[in-house]
């Protein structure tokens, strides 16, 4: 299994040390999210200060950008990293796209993501092959590429695209078009096995692809201490309150609790929300164990389900190094 690390939301000056630390510990990739910072900028530094470890965006917000923005940035990062860049895309939810990014929400989430992926790849194909640019979608029409704006061929043009999702629409699209699917941390093995993987396989079958053509990447909640339990309980409560993530709760028969959490979030009662997360929910959405048994429990939990795995914990040099060394050693054995 491929083992990944998560970049915490830090200033750019901190990225080189973290990237070097991830490589020294033996992680396969470092992933940066788009929360407080642009995830692409960290990728330039990660590429510059490492030799082996990959860097991916998990995720960059697709609907806040155009296919052209994404294509140029990914092309440059693929060139700088010598083929170690992964373009991970996510949709975010409507409120953030409209009210935080000031962009319109699409009529079809899956349709817009499909166009973005195809548009990005059309630009890459033009730059690498020299053929004319001619992509026509419902939203995007790309047919202008003059030499002045063409970055030209690169050594590693096959840039993997992963897309993130909670529900079946984007999972099917990943099976059809993407190189990987980023499973949201708010999931259970049962939901992954019975809902998301069948959707990925349906998309793959539609496109004449195989399961091994799509890497399934999971980020897992892990609880090995009381502090981690409090943190995970809070995160589950937050995610479960989001209406677009409600199918996960409904799958397990907890839709009524999800509705209560949504109401509490709307009234700003954040501190009370973790109290609704039962012990059964923790065991469903997280691995609850001791540090020495964590790797074995995770391997058992995601056997035949995931191809890549990381923990919902940021990597900070000098903090919990013994924990990470134990975890990596256990996952490699």
C-alpha atoms as a PDB file:
ATOM      1  CA  UNK A   1       0.000   0.000   0.000  1.00  0.00           C
ATOM      2  CA  UNK A   2       1.176   3.538  -0.757  1.00  0.00           C
ATOM      3  CA  UNK A   3       1.563   5.538   2.469  1.00  0.00           C
ATOM      4  CA  UNK A   4       0.914   9.285   2.420  1.00  0.00           C
ATOM      5  CA  UNK A   5       1.446  12.235   4.755  1.00  0.00           C
ATOM      6  CA  UNK A   6      -0.596  15.411   5.180  1.00  0.00           C
ATOM      7  CA  UNK A   7       0.894  18.885   5.063  1.00  0.00           C
ATOM      8  CA  UNK A   8      -0.491  21.053   7.880  1.00  0.00           C
ATOM      9  CA  UNK A   9      -1.825  24.543   7.058  1.00  0.00           C
ATOM     10  CA  UNK A  10       1.477  26.363   7.517  1.00  0.00           C
ATOM     11  CA  UNK A  11       3.212  29.391   5.945  1.00  0.00           C
ATOM     12  CA  UNK A  12       5.286  28.618   2.882  1.00  0.00           C
ATOM     13  CA  UNK A  13       8.554  29.067   4.796  1.00  0.00           C
ATOM     14  CA  UNK A  14       7.731  25.894   6.772  1.00  0.00           C
ATOM     15  CA  UNK A  15       7.096  23.675   3.749  1.00  0.00           C
ATOM     16  CA  UNK A  16      10.686  22.697   2.835  1.00  0.00           C
ATOM     17  CA  UNK A  17      11.410  21.267   6.296  1.00  0.00           C
ATOM     18  CA  UNK A  18       8.161  19.292   6.352  1.00  0.00           C
ATOM     19  CA  UNK A  19       8.701  17.937   2.843  1.00  0.00           C
ATOM     20  CA  UNK A  20      12.235  16.828   3.666  1.00  0.00           C
ATOM     21  CA  UNK A  21      10.972  15.234   6.877  1.00  0.00           C
ATOM     22  CA  UNK A  22       8.267  13.303   5.004  1.00  0.00           C
ATOM     23  CA  UNK A  23      10.872  11.950   2.608  1.00  0.00           C
ATOM     24  CA  UNK A  24      13.333  11.061   5.383  1.00  0.00           C
ATOM     25  CA  UNK A  25      10.684   9.162   7.343  1.00  0.00           C
ATOM     26  CA  UNK A  26       9.793   7.127   4.259  1.00  0.00           C
ATOM     27  CA  UNK A  27       6.406   8.450   3.188  1.00  0.00           C
ATOM     28  CA  UNK A  28       5.547   8.020  -0.481  1.00  0.00           C
ATOM     29  CA  UNK A  29       3.739  11.339  -0.933  1.00  0.00           C
ATOM     30  CA  UNK A  30       2.902  14.585   0.801  1.00  0.00           C
ATOM     31  CA  UNK A  31      -0.537  16.088   0.207  1.00  0.00           C
ATOM     32  CA  UNK A  32      -1.503  19.727   0.714  1.00  0.00           C
ATOM     33  CA  UNK A  33      -5.064  20.920   1.183  1.00  0.00           C
ATOM     34  CA  UNK A  34      -6.759  24.173   0.239  1.00  0.00           C
ATOM     35  CA  UNK A  35      -7.960  25.563   3.550  1.00  0.00           C
ATOM     36  CA  UNK A  36      -5.910  28.544   4.723  1.00  0.00           C
ATOM     37  CA  UNK A  37      -3.383  28.506   1.873  1.00  0.00           C
ATOM     38  CA  UNK A  38      -3.121  27.831  -1.858  1.00  0.00           C
ATOM     39  CA  UNK A  39      -2.052  24.169  -2.193  1.00  0.00           C
ATOM     40  CA  UNK A  40      -0.118  24.671  -5.424  1.00  0.00           C
ATOM     41  CA  UNK A  41       2.448  27.077  -3.981  1.00  0.00           C
ATOM     42  CA  UNK A  42       3.563  24.513  -1.425  1.00  0.00           C
ATOM     43  CA  UNK A  43       4.094  22.084  -4.281  1.00  0.00           C
ATOM     44  CA  UNK A  44       6.860  24.190  -5.796  1.00  0.00           C
ATOM     45  CA  UNK A  45       8.802  24.085  -2.534  1.00  0.00           C
ATOM     46  CA  UNK A  46       8.140  20.395  -1.901  1.00  0.00           C
ATOM     47  CA  UNK A  47       9.472  19.575  -5.360  1.00  0.00           C
ATOM     48  CA  UNK A  48      12.554  21.726  -4.907  1.00  0.00           C
ATOM     49  CA  UNK A  49      13.523  20.262  -1.532  1.00  0.00           C
ATOM     50  CA  UNK A  50      12.906  16.539  -2.142  1.00  0.00           C
ATOM     51  CA  UNK A  51      14.121  13.903  -4.588  1.00  0.00           C
ATOM     52  CA  UNK A  52      11.719  10.996  -4.234  1.00  0.00           C
ATOM     53  CA  UNK A  53       8.474  11.858  -2.470  1.00  0.00           C
ATOM     54  CA  UNK A  54       5.491  12.930  -4.580  1.00  0.00           C
ATOM     55  CA  UNK A  55       3.355  15.983  -3.878  1.00  0.00           C
ATOM     56  CA  UNK A  56      -0.370  16.198  -4.490  1.00  0.00           C
ATOM     57  CA  UNK A  57      -3.202  18.628  -3.878  1.00  0.00           C
ATOM     58  CA  UNK A  58      -5.878  17.097  -1.667  1.00  0.00           C
ATOM     59  CA  UNK A  59      -7.591  19.035  -2.769  1.00  0.00           C
ATOM     60  CA  UNK A  60      -7.385  22.075  -5.004  1.00  0.00           C
ATOM     61  CA  UNK A  61     -10.836  23.587  -5.459  1.00  0.00           C
ATOM     62  CA  UNK A  62     -11.729  23.001  -9.105  1.00  0.00           C
ATOM     63  CA  UNK A  63     -14.805  25.225  -9.215  1.00  0.00           C
ATOM     64  CA  UNK A  64     -12.770  28.216  -8.030  1.00  0.00           C
ATOM     65  CA  UNK A  65     -10.557  27.963 -11.136  1.00  0.00           C
ATOM     66  CA  UNK A  66     -10.760  27.536 -14.886  1.00  0.00           C
ATOM     67  CA  UNK A  67      -9.331  24.595 -16.847  1.00  0.00           C
ATOM     68  CA  UNK A  68      -6.610  26.948 -18.084  1.00  0.00           C
ATOM     69  CA  UNK A  69      -5.545  27.954 -14.573  1.00  0.00           C
ATOM     70  CA  UNK A  70      -5.322  24.332 -13.512  1.00  0.00           C
ATOM     71  CA  UNK A  71      -3.574  23.141 -16.648  1.00  0.00           C
ATOM     72  CA  UNK A  72      -0.772  25.726 -16.561  1.00  0.00           C
ATOM     73  CA  UNK A  73      -0.085  25.279 -12.842  1.00  0.00           C
ATOM     74  CA  UNK A  74      -0.058  21.479 -12.984  1.00  0.00           C
ATOM     75  CA  UNK A  75       2.159  21.507 -16.091  1.00  0.00           C
ATOM     76  CA  UNK A  76       4.764  23.677 -14.361  1.00  0.00           C
ATOM     77  CA  UNK A  77       4.690  21.547 -11.197  1.00  0.00           C
ATOM     78  CA  UNK A  78       5.017  18.319 -13.173  1.00  0.00           C
ATOM     79  CA  UNK A  79       8.051  19.740 -14.927  1.00  0.00           C
ATOM     80  CA  UNK A  80       9.674  21.078 -11.770  1.00  0.00           C
ATOM     81  CA  UNK A  81       9.066  17.873  -9.786  1.00  0.00           C
ATOM     82  CA  UNK A  82      10.202  15.602 -12.649  1.00  0.00           C
ATOM     83  CA  UNK A  83       6.874  13.823 -12.743  1.00  0.00           C
ATOM     84  CA  UNK A  84       6.151  13.705  -9.013  1.00  0.00           C
ATOM     85  CA  UNK A  85       3.085  15.960  -9.008  1.00  0.00           C
ATOM     86  CA  UNK A  86      -0.503  14.725  -8.596  1.00  0.00           C
ATOM     87  CA  UNK A  87      -3.416  17.029  -9.413  1.00  0.00           C
ATOM     88  CA  UNK A  88      -6.108  16.325  -6.817  1.00  0.00           C
ATOM     89  CA  UNK A  89      -9.365  18.183  -7.437  1.00  0.00           C
ATOM     90  CA  UNK A  90     -12.430  18.721  -5.291  1.00  0.00           C
ATOM     91  CA  UNK A  91     -15.681  20.621  -5.669  1.00  0.00           C
ATOM     92  CA  UNK A  92     -16.177  22.133  -2.189  1.00  0.00           C
ATOM     93  CA  UNK A  93     -19.773  22.879  -1.203  1.00  0.00           C
ATOM     94  CA  UNK A  94     -22.012  25.546  -2.721  1.00  0.00           C
ATOM     95  CA  UNK A  95     -21.784  28.065   0.136  1.00  0.00           C
ATOM     96  CA  UNK A  96     -17.995  28.210  -0.093  1.00  0.00           C
ATOM     97  CA  UNK A  97     -17.860  28.418  -3.886  1.00  0.00           C
ATOM     98  CA  UNK A  98     -20.420  31.219  -4.000  1.00  0.00           C
ATOM     99  CA  UNK A  99     -19.695  33.114  -0.788  1.00  0.00           C
ATOM    100  CA  UNK A 100     -15.968  32.482  -0.173  1.00  0.00           C
ATOM    101  CA  UNK A 101     -14.619  32.286  -3.720  1.00  0.00           C
ATOM    102  CA  UNK A 102     -17.269  34.459  -5.386  1.00  0.00           C
ATOM    103  CA  UNK A 103     -17.828  31.943  -8.174  1.00  0.00           C
ATOM    104  CA  UNK A 104     -21.069  30.506  -9.578  1.00  0.00           C
ATOM    105  CA  UNK A 105     -22.269  27.083  -8.515  1.00  0.00           C
ATOM    106  CA  UNK A 106     -22.814  24.739 -11.500  1.00  0.00           C
ATOM    107  CA  UNK A 107     -26.158  23.205 -12.395  1.00  0.00           C
ATOM    108  CA  UNK A 108     -24.430  19.829 -12.530  1.00  0.00           C
ATOM    109  CA  UNK A 109     -21.520  19.149 -10.194  1.00  0.00           C
ATOM    110  CA  UNK A 110     -20.477  15.996 -12.029  1.00  0.00           C
ATOM    111  CA  UNK A 111     -20.948  17.602 -15.442  1.00  0.00           C
ATOM    112  CA  UNK A 112     -18.784  20.584 -14.544  1.00  0.00           C
ATOM    113  CA  UNK A 113     -16.037  18.419 -13.064  1.00  0.00           C
ATOM    114  CA  UNK A 114     -16.079  16.256 -16.178  1.00  0.00           C
ATOM    115  CA  UNK A 115     -15.599  19.333 -18.373  1.00  0.00           C
ATOM    116  CA  UNK A 116     -12.783  20.636 -16.217  1.00  0.00           C
ATOM    117  CA  UNK A 117     -10.879  17.345 -16.428  1.00  0.00           C
ATOM    118  CA  UNK A 118     -11.387  17.032 -20.181  1.00  0.00           C
ATOM    119  CA  UNK A 119     -10.498  20.690 -20.722  1.00  0.00           C
ATOM    120  CA  UNK A 120      -7.301  20.401 -18.696  1.00  0.00           C
ATOM    121  CA  UNK A 121      -6.260  17.296 -20.609  1.00  0.00           C
ATOM    122  CA  UNK A 122      -7.052  18.960 -23.933  1.00  0.00           C
ATOM    123  CA  UNK A 123      -4.625  21.767 -23.084  1.00  0.00           C
ATOM    124  CA  UNK A 124      -1.960  19.292 -21.998  1.00  0.00           C
ATOM    125  CA  UNK A 125      -2.409  17.329 -25.223  1.00  0.00           C
ATOM    126  CA  UNK A 126      -1.987  20.466 -27.311  1.00  0.00           C
ATOM    127  CA  UNK A 127       1.172  21.524 -25.475  1.00  0.00           C
ATOM    128  CA  UNK A 128       2.765  18.097 -25.692  1.00  0.00           C
ATOM    129  CA  UNK A 129       1.755  17.110 -29.226  1.00  0.00           C
ATOM    130  CA  UNK A 130       1.524  20.440 -31.006  1.00  0.00           C
ATOM    131  CA  UNK A 131      -1.943  19.636 -32.335  1.00  0.00           C
ATOM    132  CA  UNK A 132      -4.614  22.316 -32.487  1.00  0.00           C
ATOM    133  CA  UNK A 133      -6.639  23.047 -29.368  1.00  0.00           C
ATOM    134  CA  UNK A 134     -10.306  22.346 -29.940  1.00  0.00           C
ATOM    135  CA  UNK A 135     -12.336  21.474 -26.857  1.00  0.00           C
ATOM    136  CA  UNK A 136     -16.059  22.194 -26.733  1.00  0.00           C
ATOM    137  CA  UNK A 137     -18.120  21.676 -23.614  1.00  0.00           C
ATOM    138  CA  UNK A 138     -21.312  23.135 -22.217  1.00  0.00           C
ATOM    139  CA  UNK A 139     -19.412  25.742 -20.195  1.00  0.00           C
ATOM    140  CA  UNK A 140     -15.874  25.801 -21.569  1.00  0.00           C
ATOM    141  CA  UNK A 141     -14.824  26.390 -25.195  1.00  0.00           C
ATOM    142  CA  UNK A 142     -11.059  26.118 -25.627  1.00  0.00           C
ATOM    143  CA  UNK A 143      -9.771  26.752 -29.150  1.00  0.00           C
ATOM    144  CA  UNK A 144      -7.034  29.380 -28.918  1.00  0.00           C
ATOM    145  CA  UNK A 145      -3.378  28.529 -28.295  1.00  0.00           C
ATOM    146  CA  UNK A 146      -0.693  30.638 -29.937  1.00  0.00           C
ATOM    147  CA  UNK A 147       3.067  30.003 -29.568  1.00  0.00           C
ATOM    148  CA  UNK A 148       3.435  32.958 -27.182  1.00  0.00           C
ATOM    149  CA  UNK A 149       1.183  31.218 -24.637  1.00  0.00           C
ATOM    150  CA  UNK A 150       2.235  27.622 -25.256  1.00  0.00           C
ATOM    151  CA  UNK A 151       4.665  26.320 -22.593  1.00  0.00           C
ATOM    152  CA  UNK A 152       5.671  23.440 -24.868  1.00  0.00           C
ATOM    153  CA  UNK A 153       6.591  19.830 -24.262  1.00  0.00           C
ATOM    154  CA  UNK A 154       7.756  18.507 -20.905  1.00  0.00           C
ATOM    155  CA  UNK A 155       9.520  15.299 -19.934  1.00  0.00           C
ATOM    156  CA  UNK A 156       6.693  13.959 -17.758  1.00  0.00           C
ATOM    157  CA  UNK A 157       3.402  14.930 -19.407  1.00  0.00           C
ATOM    158  CA  UNK A 158       1.316  12.123 -17.886  1.00  0.00           C
ATOM    159  CA  UNK A 159       0.019  14.010 -14.860  1.00  0.00           C
ATOM    160  CA  UNK A 160      -2.302  11.932 -12.646  1.00  0.00           C
ATOM    161  CA  UNK A 161      -5.655  13.494 -11.842  1.00  0.00           C
ATOM    162  CA  UNK A 162      -7.466  12.404  -8.694  1.00  0.00           C
ATOM    163  CA  UNK A 163     -10.910  13.663  -7.760  1.00  0.00           C
ATOM    164  CA  UNK A 164     -12.452  13.728  -4.307  1.00  0.00           C
ATOM    165  CA  UNK A 165     -15.988  12.896  -3.362  1.00  0.00           C
ATOM    166  CA  UNK A 166     -18.418  11.677  -0.740  1.00  0.00           C
ATOM    167  CA  UNK A 167     -21.282  10.573  -2.959  1.00  0.00           C
ATOM    168  CA  UNK A 168     -21.662   8.242  -5.928  1.00  0.00           C
ATOM    169  CA  UNK A 169     -21.739  10.774  -8.774  1.00  0.00           C
ATOM    170  CA  UNK A 170     -18.118  11.826  -8.449  1.00  0.00           C
ATOM    171  CA  UNK A 171     -17.083   8.258  -7.617  1.00  0.00           C
ATOM    172  CA  UNK A 172     -18.533   7.102 -10.959  1.00  0.00           C
ATOM    173  CA  UNK A 173     -16.756   9.958 -12.717  1.00  0.00           C
ATOM    174  CA  UNK A 174     -13.473   8.924 -11.109  1.00  0.00           C
ATOM    175  CA  UNK A 175     -13.944   5.410 -12.414  1.00  0.00           C
ATOM    176  CA  UNK A 176     -14.653   6.743 -15.872  1.00  0.00           C
ATOM    177  CA  UNK A 177     -12.022   9.475 -16.227  1.00  0.00           C
ATOM    178  CA  UNK A 178      -9.639   9.906 -13.307  1.00  0.00           C
ATOM    179  CA  UNK A 179      -6.431   8.221 -12.218  1.00  0.00           C
ATOM    180  CA  UNK A 180      -7.506   8.126  -8.600  1.00  0.00           C
ATOM    181  CA  UNK A 181     -10.334   8.765  -6.160  1.00  0.00           C
ATOM    182  CA  UNK A 182      -9.719  10.651  -2.920  1.00  0.00           C
ATOM    183  CA  UNK A 183     -12.076   9.202  -0.333  1.00  0.00           C
ATOM    184  CA  UNK A 184     -13.282  11.859   2.090  1.00  0.00           C
ATOM    185  CA  UNK A 185     -12.062  11.257   5.673  1.00  0.00           C
ATOM    186  CA  UNK A 186     -15.710  11.094   6.715  1.00  0.00           C
ATOM    187  CA  UNK A 187     -16.352   7.539   5.575  1.00  0.00           C
ATOM    188  CA  UNK A 188     -16.611   4.009   6.883  1.00  0.00           C
ATOM    189  CA  UNK A 189     -15.227   0.805   5.362  1.00  0.00           C
ATOM    190  CA  UNK A 190     -18.825  -0.348   4.852  1.00  0.00           C
ATOM    191  CA  UNK A 191     -19.730   2.835   2.952  1.00  0.00           C
ATOM    192  CA  UNK A 192     -16.579   2.545   0.877  1.00  0.00           C
ATOM    193  CA  UNK A 193     -17.200  -1.113   0.079  1.00  0.00           C
ATOM    194  CA  UNK A 194     -20.946  -0.987  -0.557  1.00  0.00           C
ATOM    195  CA  UNK A 195     -21.465   2.500  -2.000  1.00  0.00           C
ATOM    196  CA  UNK A 196     -18.321   4.155  -3.352  1.00  0.00           C
ATOM    197  CA  UNK A 197     -16.405   1.215  -4.824  1.00  0.00           C
ATOM    198  CA  UNK A 198     -19.420  -0.083  -6.803  1.00  0.00           C
ATOM    199  CA  UNK A 199     -19.858   3.421  -8.214  1.00  0.00           C
ATOM    200  CA  UNK A 200     -16.182   3.604  -9.183  1.00  0.00           C
ATOM    201  CA  UNK A 201     -16.445   0.212 -10.851  1.00  0.00           C
ATOM    202  CA  UNK A 202     -19.602   1.259 -12.715  1.00  0.00           C
ATOM    203  CA  UNK A 203     -17.771   4.288 -14.110  1.00  0.00           C
ATOM    204  CA  UNK A 204     -14.770   2.194 -15.021  1.00  0.00           C
ATOM    205  CA  UNK A 205     -16.944  -0.395 -16.782  1.00  0.00           C
ATOM    206  CA  UNK A 206     -18.641   2.361 -18.785  1.00  0.00           C
ATOM    207  CA  UNK A 207     -15.243   3.531 -20.054  1.00  0.00           C
ATOM    208  CA  UNK A 208     -13.808   0.049 -20.607  1.00  0.00           C
ATOM    209  CA  UNK A 209     -11.376   0.425 -17.742  1.00  0.00           C
ATOM    210  CA  UNK A 210     -10.340  -1.902 -14.905  1.00  0.00           C
ATOM    211  CA  UNK A 211     -10.345  -1.437 -11.137  1.00  0.00           C
ATOM    212  CA  UNK A 212      -6.545  -1.240 -11.094  1.00  0.00           C
ATOM    213  CA  UNK A 213      -6.669   1.791 -13.400  1.00  0.00           C
ATOM    214  CA  UNK A 214      -8.035   3.898 -10.521  1.00  0.00           C
ATOM    215  CA  UNK A 215      -6.097   4.236  -7.289  1.00  0.00           C
ATOM    216  CA  UNK A 216      -8.372   4.587  -4.270  1.00  0.00           C
ATOM    217  CA  UNK A 217      -6.805   6.913  -1.719  1.00  0.00           C
ATOM    218  CA  UNK A 218      -8.110   7.018   1.855  1.00  0.00           C
ATOM    219  CA  UNK A 219      -7.435   9.362   4.737  1.00  0.00           C
ATOM    220  CA  UNK A 220      -8.323   7.629   7.970  1.00  0.00           C
ATOM    221  CA  UNK A 221      -9.331   8.894  11.381  1.00  0.00           C
ATOM    222  CA  UNK A 222      -7.231   7.200  14.064  1.00  0.00           C
ATOM    223  CA  UNK A 223      -7.704   7.313  17.832  1.00  0.00           C
ATOM    224  CA  UNK A 224      -4.832   6.150  20.048  1.00  0.00           C
ATOM    225  CA  UNK A 225      -5.225   8.638  22.930  1.00  0.00           C
ATOM    226  CA  UNK A 226      -7.917  10.655  24.761  1.00  0.00           C
ATOM    227  CA  UNK A 227      -6.703  13.804  22.990  1.00  0.00           C
ATOM    228  CA  UNK A 228      -7.144  12.180  19.611  1.00  0.00           C
ATOM    229  CA  UNK A 229     -10.605  10.969  20.606  1.00  0.00           C
ATOM    230  CA  UNK A 230     -11.715  14.508  21.424  1.00  0.00           C
ATOM    231  CA  UNK A 231     -10.303  15.794  18.141  1.00  0.00           C
ATOM    232  CA  UNK A 232     -11.876  13.050  16.012  1.00  0.00           C
ATOM    233  CA  UNK A 233     -15.214  13.390  17.777  1.00  0.00           C
ATOM    234  CA  UNK A 234     -15.224  17.086  16.917  1.00  0.00           C
ATOM    235  CA  UNK A 235     -14.283  16.455  13.264  1.00  0.00           C
ATOM    236  CA  UNK A 236     -16.970  13.802  12.811  1.00  0.00           C
ATOM    237  CA  UNK A 237     -19.564  16.147  14.297  1.00  0.00           C
ATOM    238  CA  UNK A 238     -18.495  18.905  11.908  1.00  0.00           C
ATOM    239  CA  UNK A 239     -18.578  16.725   8.805  1.00  0.00           C
ATOM    240  CA  UNK A 240     -21.822  15.013   9.794  1.00  0.00           C
ATOM    241  CA  UNK A 241     -23.499  18.428  10.078  1.00  0.00           C
ATOM    242  CA  UNK A 242     -22.829  19.180   6.386  1.00  0.00           C
ATOM    243  CA  UNK A 243     -25.971  18.436   4.335  1.00  0.00           C
ATOM    244  CA  UNK A 244     -24.070  17.171   1.287  1.00  0.00           C
ATOM    245  CA  UNK A 245     -22.342  14.556   3.475  1.00  0.00           C
ATOM    246  CA  UNK A 246     -25.602  13.330   4.983  1.00  0.00           C
ATOM    247  CA  UNK A 247     -25.795  10.157   2.839  1.00  0.00           C
ATOM    248  CA  UNK A 248     -22.921   8.733   4.884  1.00  0.00           C
ATOM    249  CA  UNK A 249     -24.916   9.132   8.088  1.00  0.00           C
ATOM    250  CA  UNK A 250     -28.109   7.932   6.421  1.00  0.00           C
ATOM    251  CA  UNK A 251     -26.326   4.785   5.234  1.00  0.00           C
ATOM    252  CA  UNK A 252     -25.710   3.876   8.875  1.00  0.00           C
ATOM    253  CA  UNK A 253     -29.173   4.912  10.066  1.00  0.00           C
ATOM    254  CA  UNK A 254     -28.032   8.123  11.756  1.00  0.00           C
ATOM    255  CA  UNK A 255     -29.760  10.681   9.530  1.00  0.00           C
ATOM    256  CA  UNK A 256     -31.779  12.101  12.450  1.00  0.00           C
ATOM    257  CA  UNK A 257     -28.568  12.845  14.350  1.00  0.00           C
ATOM    258  CA  UNK A 258     -27.119  14.472  11.229  1.00  0.00           C
ATOM    259  CA  UNK A 259     -30.141  16.752  11.030  1.00  0.00           C
ATOM    260  CA  UNK A 260     -29.708  17.693  14.694  1.00  0.00           C
ATOM    261  CA  UNK A 261     -26.048  18.483  14.065  1.00  0.00           C
ATOM    262  CA  UNK A 262     -26.944  20.664  11.076  1.00  0.00           C
ATOM    263  CA  UNK A 263     -29.375  22.615  13.216  1.00  0.00           C
ATOM    264  CA  UNK A 264     -26.795  23.098  15.950  1.00  0.00           C
ATOM    265  CA  UNK A 265     -24.196  24.250  13.421  1.00  0.00           C
ATOM    266  CA  UNK A 266     -26.640  26.764  11.987  1.00  0.00           C
ATOM    267  CA  UNK A 267     -27.086  28.226  15.478  1.00  0.00           C
ATOM    268  CA  UNK A 268     -23.363  28.270  16.168  1.00  0.00           C
ATOM    269  CA  UNK A 269     -23.533  25.637  18.914  1.00  0.00           C
ATOM    270  CA  UNK A 270     -20.232  24.071  17.858  1.00  0.00           C
ATOM    271  CA  UNK A 271     -19.108  23.158  21.356  1.00  0.00           C
ATOM    272  CA  UNK A 272     -22.181  21.003  21.972  1.00  0.00           C
ATOM    273  CA  UNK A 273     -22.029  19.043  18.727  1.00  0.00           C
ATOM    274  CA  UNK A 274     -19.375  16.437  19.691  1.00  0.00           C
ATOM    275  CA  UNK A 275     -21.692  15.267  22.461  1.00  0.00           C
ATOM    276  CA  UNK A 276     -23.999  13.750  19.833  1.00  0.00           C
ATOM    277  CA  UNK A 277     -21.255  11.505  18.474  1.00  0.00           C
ATOM    278  CA  UNK A 278     -21.779   8.134  20.119  1.00  0.00           C
ATOM    279  CA  UNK A 279     -19.047   5.606  20.839  1.00  0.00           C
ATOM    280  CA  UNK A 280     -20.498   3.427  18.090  1.00  0.00           C
ATOM    281  CA  UNK A 281     -19.999   6.251  15.601  1.00  0.00           C
ATOM    282  CA  UNK A 282     -16.375   6.678  16.630  1.00  0.00           C
ATOM    283  CA  UNK A 283     -15.724   2.989  16.025  1.00  0.00           C
ATOM    284  CA  UNK A 284     -17.494   3.206  12.663  1.00  0.00           C
ATOM    285  CA  UNK A 285     -15.650   6.228  11.289  1.00  0.00           C
ATOM    286  CA  UNK A 286     -12.288   5.802  13.030  1.00  0.00           C
ATOM    287  CA  UNK A 287      -9.797   3.138  14.051  1.00  0.00           C
ATOM    288  CA  UNK A 288      -9.799   3.051  17.847  1.00  0.00           C
ATOM    289  CA  UNK A 289      -6.752   1.207  19.167  1.00  0.00           C
ATOM    290  CA  UNK A 290      -3.319   1.654  20.744  1.00  0.00           C
ATOM    291  CA  UNK A 291      -0.286   2.956  18.914  1.00  0.00           C
ATOM    292  CA  UNK A 292       1.412  -0.416  18.586  1.00  0.00           C
ATOM    293  CA  UNK A 293      -1.656  -2.001  16.971  1.00  0.00           C
ATOM    294  CA  UNK A 294      -2.606   0.910  14.707  1.00  0.00           C
ATOM    295  CA  UNK A 295      -0.845  -0.225  11.529  1.00  0.00           C
ATOM    296  CA  UNK A 296      -2.245  -3.735  11.787  1.00  0.00           C
ATOM    297  CA  UNK A 297      -5.769  -2.482  12.405  1.00  0.00           C
ATOM    298  CA  UNK A 298      -5.569  -0.107   9.446  1.00  0.00           C
ATOM    299  CA  UNK A 299      -4.191  -2.805   7.143  1.00  0.00           C
ATOM    300  CA  UNK A 300      -7.033  -5.101   8.150  1.00  0.00           C
ATOM    301  CA  UNK A 301      -9.654  -2.354   7.828  1.00  0.00           C
ATOM    302  CA  UNK A 302      -8.640  -1.298   4.316  1.00  0.00           C
ATOM    303  CA  UNK A 303      -7.548  -4.649   2.866  1.00  0.00           C
ATOM    304  CA  UNK A 304      -8.854  -4.870  -0.724  1.00  0.00           C
ATOM    305  CA  UNK A 305     -10.471  -1.443  -0.309  1.00  0.00           C
ATOM    306  CA  UNK A 306      -7.693   1.133  -0.640  1.00  0.00           C
ATOM    307  CA  UNK A 307      -4.487   1.503  -2.625  1.00  0.00           C
ATOM    308  CA  UNK A 308      -3.134   4.535  -0.766  1.00  0.00           C
ATOM    309  CA  UNK A 309      -3.558   5.449   2.878  1.00  0.00           C
ATOM    310  CA  UNK A 310      -2.810   8.383   5.130  1.00  0.00           C
ATOM    311  CA  UNK A 311      -3.906   9.477   8.578  1.00  0.00           C
ATOM    312  CA  UNK A 312      -6.051  12.503   9.368  1.00  0.00           C
ATOM    313  CA  UNK A 313      -3.099  13.939  11.268  1.00  0.00           C
ATOM    314  CA  UNK A 314      -0.680  16.603  10.017  1.00  0.00           C
ATOM    315  CA  UNK A 315       3.023  15.847   9.781  1.00  0.00           C
ATOM    316  CA  UNK A 316       5.026  18.248  11.964  1.00  0.00           C
ATOM    317  CA  UNK A 317       8.804  17.704  12.276  1.00  0.00           C
ATOM    318  CA  UNK A 318       9.844  17.054  15.844  1.00  0.00           C
ATOM    319  CA  UNK A 319       6.327  16.198  16.954  1.00  0.00           C
ATOM    320  CA  UNK A 320       5.406  12.529  17.312  1.00  0.00           C
ATOM    321  CA  UNK A 321       8.337  11.304  15.226  1.00  0.00           C
ATOM    322  CA  UNK A 322       8.395   8.018  17.170  1.00  0.00           C
ATOM    323  CA  UNK A 323       4.682   7.594  16.424  1.00  0.00           C
ATOM    324  CA  UNK A 324       5.237   8.062  12.681  1.00  0.00           C
ATOM    325  CA  UNK A 325       8.237   5.733  12.633  1.00  0.00           C
ATOM    326  CA  UNK A 326       6.221   3.037  14.393  1.00  0.00           C
ATOM    327  CA  UNK A 327       3.285   3.568  12.063  1.00  0.00           C
ATOM    328  CA  UNK A 328       5.381   3.397   8.897  1.00  0.00           C
ATOM    329  CA  UNK A 329       7.310   0.360  10.085  1.00  0.00           C
ATOM    330  CA  UNK A 330       4.058  -1.430  10.845  1.00  0.00           C
ATOM    331  CA  UNK A 331       2.526  -0.562   7.481  1.00  0.00           C
ATOM    332  CA  UNK A 332       5.619  -1.738   5.588  1.00  0.00           C
ATOM    333  CA  UNK A 333       5.739  -5.129   7.328  1.00  0.00           C
END
